[in-house]
Amino acid sequence: MPIIKPGDFDDHRVKALLTRHLESMHANSPPGHVFALDWSGLQKPEVSFYALWEGEDLLGFGALKELEPRAGEIKSMRTADAHLRTGVAAAILDHIIAKARQRGYSRLSLETGSGPAFEPALKLYRKYSFIDGEPFGGYEKSFFNQFLHLDLRAQSTDSHRPLTEEQIRAAHVGEVKPLGGRVLLVDYDPQWAELFEREAGRIRAALAERALRIEHVGSTSVPGLPAKPVIDMVLVVTDSADETAYVPALAATGYRLHVREAHWYEHRMFKGPDTDINLHTFSAGCPEIDRMLMFRDWLRVNPADRQLYARTKLTLAQREWTFVQNYADAKTAVIDAIIARARHDRSL
């Protein structure tokens, strides 16, 4: 299973791929137009360097450089030759964008070259909504160098954008079973709180201090709200992308990794060993944690919005859905409106 982790500057495989990267940049660029970071540049404190591994095989790497508190730059994107056109660059780019969002960046930029050697990378960046723009961070405009920018403010970080079937299948670890019908909603059950406490205890026993926070979220956490009989939980760990730090311990207890969304806050979701749960795992400081807890807490104390949300759920549950995720995405507008009211109330 591919794992992204901080690059090891002492690993000979990493050194060899960086040498290959620098040689390629110089071979395909005119003199004076190469700005790739060398070994010393990658080790500066403002640069975070990530490597993608599958077992002992180095697939590629990339880096995120902080330009200022609200802006970052993508550097040193490289895929090993044996793994070109296998999704390696996209996985690393997803990881870097997720890190930029976690840090609260409003803009992510990059500098690259022109010509056939750079076209695959440019195609990938534009697929992710990067657009051509002005030089930044001390770069100067030239006939060869290009500058692209991604406005993270323009992308929906408050909620999940509706997912296509392809995206839903890609995010799942293993086969995803279509719903192909209506969503089952039941009346609130006080036993849901007890089930949460039991699962939370099991997770704490498995992870000990690695479980920084465990919360009951979703409709089963709001008394009086109809819900799917599935316990939604949030687990906060130091770095959700570092699966080696917590996935084996959860797996040994019977939890199985069900969803991996590197592009969306490095979200991971697990299913439970004997209780129907969704264990959503995020990194410490992820804004989605605050969003989910704010939504829960507001619904617990605001009858009008609780009733609005209940009506929305019951109406949508009468429709036929291909995937449960389609039903969840259909609630987005109402959820965002409720959260906006909760945020406004918090600011008073």
Protein backbone atom coordinates (compact mmCIF):
# COMPACT_ATOMS: atom_id res chain seq x y z
CA MET A 1 0.00 0.00 0.00
CA PRO A 2 1.54 3.38 -1.00
CA ILE A 3 2.48 5.62 1.92
CA ILE A 4 3.49 9.29 1.86
CA LYS A 5 5.90 10.33 4.60
CA PRO A 6 8.61 12.95 5.18
CA GLY A 7 11.57 12.44 2.87
CA ASP A 8 14.63 10.80 4.41
CA PHE A 9 17.66 12.87 3.46
CA ASP A 10 19.99 9.98 4.31
CA ASP A 11 18.29 7.46 2.00
CA HIS A 12 20.37 6.64 -1.07
CA ARG A 13 17.23 6.05 -3.17
CA VAL A 14 15.96 9.53 -2.43
CA LYS A 15 19.36 10.99 -3.25
CA ALA A 16 19.50 9.10 -6.54
CA LEU A 17 16.04 10.29 -7.63
CA LEU A 18 16.89 13.89 -6.71
CA THR A 19 20.06 13.64 -8.82
CA ARG A 20 17.96 12.30 -11.71
CA HIS A 21 15.50 15.17 -11.23
CA LEU A 22 18.17 17.89 -11.31
CA GLU A 23 19.89 16.34 -14.32
CA SER A 24 16.56 16.30 -16.19
CA MET A 25 15.80 19.92 -15.31
CA HIS A 26 19.17 21.10 -16.64
CA ALA A 27 18.95 18.89 -19.73
CA ASN A 28 15.55 20.33 -20.71
CA SER A 29 16.09 23.99 -19.76
CA PRO A 30 18.28 26.78 -21.13
CA PRO A 31 21.15 28.01 -18.93
CA GLY A 32 20.04 30.28 -16.12
CA HIS A 33 16.44 29.10 -16.12
CA VAL A 34 16.56 26.21 -13.65
CA PHE A 35 15.22 26.92 -10.17
CA ALA A 36 14.88 23.38 -8.84
CA LEU A 37 15.96 22.95 -5.22
CA ASP A 38 19.14 21.01 -4.61
CA TRP A 39 19.86 18.88 -1.56
CA SER A 40 20.62 21.86 0.71
CA GLY A 41 17.58 23.78 -0.52
CA LEU A 42 15.20 20.96 0.38
CA GLN A 43 16.54 20.93 3.94
CA LYS A 44 15.75 24.56 4.70
CA PRO A 45 13.23 25.06 7.54
CA GLU A 46 10.57 26.62 5.30
CA VAL A 47 10.49 23.50 3.05
CA SER A 48 8.53 20.32 3.80
CA PHE A 49 9.71 17.38 1.72
CA TYR A 50 7.47 14.34 1.11
CA ALA A 51 8.25 10.96 -0.44
CA LEU A 52 5.76 8.36 -1.71
CA TRP A 53 6.75 4.76 -1.01
CA GLU A 54 5.28 1.35 -1.71
CA GLY A 55 7.18 -1.05 0.48
CA GLU A 56 10.86 -0.48 -0.29
CA ASP A 57 10.08 1.10 -3.67
CA LEU A 58 10.40 4.89 -3.94
CA LEU A 59 7.66 6.06 -6.31
CA GLY A 60 8.29 9.79 -6.26
CA PHE A 61 8.53 12.92 -4.13
CA GLY A 62 7.49 16.57 -3.90
CA ALA A 63 7.93 19.55 -1.59
CA LEU A 64 5.92 22.42 -0.14
CA LYS A 65 7.75 25.68 0.55
CA GLU A 66 6.20 28.38 2.71
CA LEU A 67 6.49 31.77 1.01
CA GLU A 68 4.54 33.67 3.66
CA PRO A 69 1.99 32.73 6.32
CA ARG A 70 -0.85 32.49 3.76
CA ALA A 71 0.98 31.29 0.64
CA GLY A 72 3.04 28.32 -0.42
CA GLU A 73 5.00 27.03 -3.40
CA ILE A 74 5.17 23.54 -4.88
CA LYS A 75 8.76 22.39 -5.49
CA SER A 76 10.67 19.29 -6.58
CA MET A 77 7.82 17.24 -8.01
CA ARG A 78 9.32 14.06 -9.43
CA THR A 79 8.07 10.59 -10.32
CA ALA A 80 10.51 7.70 -10.61
CA ASP A 81 10.88 6.66 -14.24
CA ALA A 82 9.50 3.17 -13.59
CA HIS A 83 6.27 4.63 -12.22
CA LEU A 84 5.44 7.36 -14.74
CA ARG A 85 1.75 7.68 -15.70
CA THR A 86 0.58 5.55 -12.76
CA GLY A 87 -0.97 8.31 -10.64
CA VAL A 88 2.12 8.98 -8.49
CA ALA A 89 2.29 12.71 -9.25
CA ALA A 90 -1.43 13.14 -8.58
CA ALA A 91 -1.11 11.39 -5.21
CA ILE A 92 1.77 13.64 -4.18
CA LEU A 93 -0.03 16.75 -5.45
CA ASP A 94 -3.15 15.77 -3.50
CA HIS A 95 -1.01 15.47 -0.37
CA ILE A 96 0.66 18.86 -0.87
CA ILE A 97 -2.65 20.62 -1.53
CA ALA A 98 -4.13 19.03 1.59
CA LYS A 99 -1.15 20.23 3.64
CA ALA A 100 -1.53 23.74 2.21
CA ARG A 101 -5.17 23.78 3.27
CA GLN A 102 -4.33 22.51 6.75
CA ARG A 103 -1.89 25.39 7.13
CA GLY A 104 -4.56 27.88 6.08
CA TYR A 105 -2.90 28.97 2.84
CA SER A 106 -5.06 31.00 0.49
CA ARG A 107 -2.76 30.51 -2.52
CA LEU A 108 -0.51 27.77 -3.83
CA SER A 109 1.94 28.64 -6.64
CA LEU A 110 4.59 26.96 -8.74
CA GLU A 111 7.24 27.73 -11.34
CA THR A 112 7.94 25.37 -14.22
CA GLY A 113 9.41 25.35 -17.71
CA SER A 114 8.15 25.16 -21.29
CA GLY A 115 8.39 22.46 -23.91
CA PRO A 116 7.54 18.77 -24.31
CA ALA A 117 9.36 17.65 -21.16
CA PHE A 118 7.11 19.86 -19.01
CA GLU A 119 3.77 19.26 -20.74
CA PRO A 120 2.66 16.24 -18.63
CA ALA A 121 3.17 18.23 -15.42
CA LEU A 122 1.41 21.28 -16.83
CA LYS A 123 -1.54 19.13 -17.88
CA LEU A 124 -1.79 17.74 -14.35
CA TYR A 125 -1.61 21.16 -12.68
CA ARG A 126 -4.29 22.60 -14.95
CA LYS A 127 -6.50 19.61 -14.23
CA TYR A 128 -6.30 20.69 -10.59
CA SER A 129 -7.43 24.24 -11.55
CA PHE A 130 -4.02 25.93 -11.46
CA ILE A 131 -4.06 28.93 -13.81
CA ASP A 132 -1.30 30.91 -15.52
CA GLY A 133 -0.27 34.07 -13.69
CA GLU A 134 2.46 36.51 -12.79
CA PRO A 135 5.89 35.70 -11.34
CA PHE A 136 6.06 35.44 -7.56
CA GLY A 137 8.58 35.01 -4.77
CA GLY A 138 11.48 36.70 -6.54
CA TYR A 139 11.08 34.97 -9.91
CA GLU A 140 11.26 37.06 -13.10
CA LYS A 141 9.20 36.70 -16.27
CA SER A 142 11.04 34.99 -19.13
CA PHE A 143 10.44 33.33 -22.49
CA PHE A 144 10.85 29.90 -20.87
CA ASN A 145 9.58 29.93 -17.31
CA GLN A 146 5.87 29.68 -16.52
CA PHE A 147 4.06 30.55 -13.30
CA LEU A 148 0.83 28.90 -12.16
CA HIS A 149 -1.39 29.63 -9.18
CA LEU A 150 -4.19 27.82 -7.34
CA ASP A 151 -6.64 29.98 -5.39
CA LEU A 152 -7.52 27.80 -2.41
CA ARG A 153 -10.17 30.30 -1.31
CA ALA A 154 -12.13 29.64 -4.50
CA GLN A 155 -12.29 25.94 -3.78
CA SER A 156 -14.87 24.54 -1.42
CA THR A 157 -13.14 23.65 1.83
CA ASP A 158 -16.22 24.09 4.02
CA SER A 159 -17.88 21.03 2.59
CA HIS A 160 -17.38 18.16 0.22
CA ARG A 161 -18.10 18.99 -3.41
CA PRO A 162 -20.49 16.46 -4.94
CA LEU A 163 -18.48 13.43 -5.96
CA THR A 164 -18.74 11.60 -9.24
CA GLU A 165 -19.07 7.82 -9.34
CA GLU A 166 -15.45 7.60 -10.46
CA GLN A 167 -14.31 9.67 -7.48
CA ILE A 168 -16.41 7.64 -5.06
CA ARG A 169 -14.93 4.38 -6.32
CA ALA A 170 -11.39 5.79 -6.33
CA ALA A 171 -11.66 6.91 -2.69
CA HIS A 172 -12.74 3.49 -1.44
CA VAL A 173 -10.22 0.90 -0.35
CA GLY A 174 -11.55 -2.23 -2.02
CA GLU A 175 -14.90 -2.58 -3.72
CA VAL A 176 -17.70 -0.13 -2.98
CA LYS A 177 -21.22 -1.51 -2.99
CA PRO A 178 -23.87 0.74 -4.58
CA LEU A 179 -26.95 1.51 -2.52
CA GLY A 180 -29.31 1.35 -5.48
CA GLY A 181 -32.35 2.50 -3.52
CA ARG A 182 -33.55 4.63 -0.62
CA VAL A 183 -31.62 5.57 2.50
CA LEU A 184 -32.97 4.05 5.71
CA LEU A 185 -33.63 6.60 8.45
CA VAL A 186 -34.82 5.67 11.94
CA ASP A 187 -35.88 7.62 15.02
CA TYR A 188 -33.22 8.73 17.47
CA ASP A 189 -32.06 5.93 19.75
CA PRO A 190 -30.46 6.78 23.14
CA GLN A 191 -28.36 3.62 22.79
CA TRP A 192 -26.31 5.39 20.09
CA ALA A 193 -24.50 7.40 22.78
CA GLU A 194 -23.64 4.18 24.61
CA LEU A 195 -22.35 2.57 21.42
CA PHE A 196 -20.15 5.59 20.82
CA GLU A 197 -18.64 5.36 24.31
CA ARG A 198 -17.93 1.67 23.83
CA GLU A 199 -16.17 2.27 20.49
CA ALA A 200 -14.27 5.26 21.86
CA GLY A 201 -12.94 3.12 24.70
CA ARG A 202 -11.87 0.43 22.26
CA ILE A 203 -10.02 2.99 20.09
CA ARG A 204 -8.29 4.57 23.10
CA ALA A 205 -7.13 1.15 24.22
CA ALA A 206 -5.71 0.47 20.75
CA LEU A 207 -4.00 3.83 20.18
CA ALA A 208 -3.32 5.16 23.69
CA GLU A 209 -1.75 8.64 23.42
CA ARG A 210 -1.89 8.53 19.61
CA ALA A 211 -5.65 9.17 19.85
CA LEU A 212 -5.52 12.91 20.49
CA ARG A 213 -9.30 13.30 20.47
CA ILE A 214 -12.38 11.16 19.86
CA GLU A 215 -15.80 12.75 19.29
CA HIS A 216 -19.33 11.58 18.51
CA VAL A 217 -20.58 13.50 15.45
CA GLY A 218 -23.28 13.26 12.81
CA SER A 219 -26.99 12.78 13.30
CA THR A 220 -26.68 9.96 15.85
CA SER A 221 -24.98 12.48 18.18
CA VAL A 222 -28.00 14.83 18.21
CA PRO A 223 -30.90 13.76 20.46
CA GLY A 224 -34.25 13.91 18.66
CA LEU A 225 -32.80 13.78 15.14
CA PRO A 226 -33.69 10.92 12.78
CA ALA A 227 -30.61 9.22 11.38
CA LYS A 228 -29.14 6.29 9.56
CA PRO A 229 -28.32 3.73 12.30
CA VAL A 230 -24.59 4.29 11.76
CA ILE A 231 -22.42 5.87 14.47
CA ASP A 232 -20.25 8.65 13.02
CA MET A 233 -17.10 9.37 15.01
CA VAL A 234 -14.10 11.67 14.62
CA LEU A 235 -10.63 10.47 15.54
CA VAL A 236 -7.87 13.07 15.68
CA VAL A 237 -4.26 11.91 15.24
CA THR A 238 -1.03 13.82 14.74
CA ASP A 239 -0.90 13.18 10.98
CA SER A 240 -3.70 11.21 9.31
CA ALA A 241 -1.53 10.74 6.20
CA ASP A 242 1.02 8.79 8.26
CA GLU A 243 -0.96 5.56 8.22
CA THR A 244 1.88 3.53 9.68
CA ALA A 245 1.45 5.42 12.96
CA TYR A 246 -2.11 4.25 13.66
CA VAL A 247 -3.66 1.99 10.98
CA PRO A 248 -1.94 -1.25 12.09
CA ALA A 249 -3.10 -0.75 15.69
CA LEU A 250 -6.68 -0.12 14.59
CA ALA A 251 -6.57 -3.07 12.19
CA ALA A 252 -5.40 -5.35 15.02
CA THR A 253 -8.53 -4.36 16.94
CA GLY A 254 -10.78 -5.16 13.98
CA TYR A 255 -11.16 -1.78 12.28
CA ARG A 256 -10.65 -1.76 8.52
CA LEU A 257 -9.66 1.18 6.32
CA HIS A 258 -12.61 1.87 4.04
CA VAL A 259 -11.98 5.33 2.51
CA ARG A 260 -8.81 7.28 1.73
CA GLU A 261 -9.20 10.88 0.47
CA ALA A 262 -5.73 12.41 0.21
CA HIS A 263 -7.10 15.46 -1.63
CA TRP A 264 -9.56 16.32 1.16
CA TYR A 265 -7.65 16.99 4.38
CA GLU A 266 -5.98 13.55 4.13
CA HIS A 267 -9.27 12.11 5.38
CA ARG A 268 -9.40 8.43 6.29
CA MET A 269 -12.54 6.51 7.23
CA PHE A 270 -12.71 3.14 8.97
CA LYS A 271 -15.52 0.64 9.53
CA GLY A 272 -15.87 -1.03 12.91
CA PRO A 273 -15.34 -4.66 13.89
CA ASP A 274 -18.87 -5.39 15.15
CA THR A 275 -20.79 -2.10 15.24
CA ASP A 276 -21.88 -0.12 12.17
CA ILE A 277 -19.70 2.98 12.51
CA ASN A 278 -17.90 5.49 10.31
CA LEU A 279 -14.65 6.46 12.02
CA HIS A 280 -13.50 9.67 10.31
CA THR A 281 -9.82 10.36 10.92
CA PHE A 282 -8.17 13.76 10.54
CA SER A 283 -4.90 15.44 11.50
CA ALA A 284 -4.69 17.73 14.50
CA GLY A 285 -5.63 21.26 13.48
CA CYS A 286 -7.74 20.23 10.49
CA PRO A 287 -10.57 22.78 10.02
CA GLU A 288 -13.06 20.01 9.17
CA ILE A 289 -12.96 18.88 12.81
CA ASP A 290 -14.20 22.26 14.03
CA ARG A 291 -16.83 22.32 11.28
CA MET A 292 -18.29 18.93 12.27
CA LEU A 293 -18.34 19.76 15.98
CA MET A 294 -19.87 23.18 15.36
CA PHE A 295 -22.64 21.59 13.31
CA ARG A 296 -23.33 19.00 16.00
CA ASP A 297 -23.32 21.49 18.88
CA TRP A 298 -25.57 23.95 17.04
CA LEU A 299 -28.17 21.31 16.20
CA ARG A 300 -28.25 20.20 19.84
CA VAL A 301 -29.32 23.66 21.02
CA ASN A 302 -31.21 25.11 18.05
CA PRO A 303 -34.64 23.48 17.54
CA ALA A 304 -35.45 25.39 14.33
CA ASP A 305 -32.33 24.26 12.47
CA ARG A 306 -32.61 20.78 13.93
CA GLN A 307 -36.13 20.51 12.49
CA LEU A 308 -34.98 21.98 9.17
CA TYR A 309 -32.24 19.40 8.91
CA ALA A 310 -34.61 16.60 9.88
CA ARG A 311 -37.08 17.63 7.17
CA THR A 312 -34.29 17.80 4.60
CA LYS A 313 -33.07 14.31 5.50
CA LEU A 314 -36.54 12.78 5.46
CA THR A 315 -37.36 14.34 2.09
CA LEU A 316 -34.12 13.19 0.48
CA ALA A 317 -34.51 9.71 1.98
CA GLN A 318 -37.59 9.19 -0.19
CA ARG A 319 -35.49 9.38 -3.34
CA GLU A 320 -33.51 6.60 -5.00
CA TRP A 321 -29.71 6.94 -4.73
CA THR A 322 -26.93 5.08 -6.49
CA PHE A 323 -24.53 5.58 -3.57
CA VAL A 324 -25.05 6.74 0.02
CA GLN A 325 -22.49 9.46 -0.77
CA ASN A 326 -24.91 10.93 -3.33
CA TYR A 327 -27.50 11.33 -0.56
CA ALA A 328 -24.88 12.95 1.69
CA ASP A 329 -23.81 15.36 -1.06
CA ALA A 330 -27.43 16.40 -1.64
CA LYS A 331 -27.58 17.77 1.93
CA THR A 332 -24.58 20.06 1.42
CA ALA A 333 -26.42 23.33 0.75
CA VAL A 334 -28.59 23.00 3.84
CA ILE A 335 -25.64 21.99 6.02
CA ASP A 336 -23.57 24.94 4.82
CA ALA A 337 -26.43 27.34 5.55
CA ILE A 338 -26.83 25.95 9.08
CA ILE A 339 -23.09 26.18 9.73
CA ALA A 340 -23.08 29.77 8.50
CA ARG A 341 -25.71 30.61 11.14
CA ALA A 342 -23.74 28.77 13.80
CA ARG A 343 -20.58 30.70 12.88
CA HIS A 344 -22.47 33.99 12.97
CA ASP A 345 -23.82 33.16 16.44
CA ARG A 346 -20.32 32.25 17.64
CA SER A 347 -18.96 35.61 16.45
CA LEU A 348 -21.51 37.64 18.44
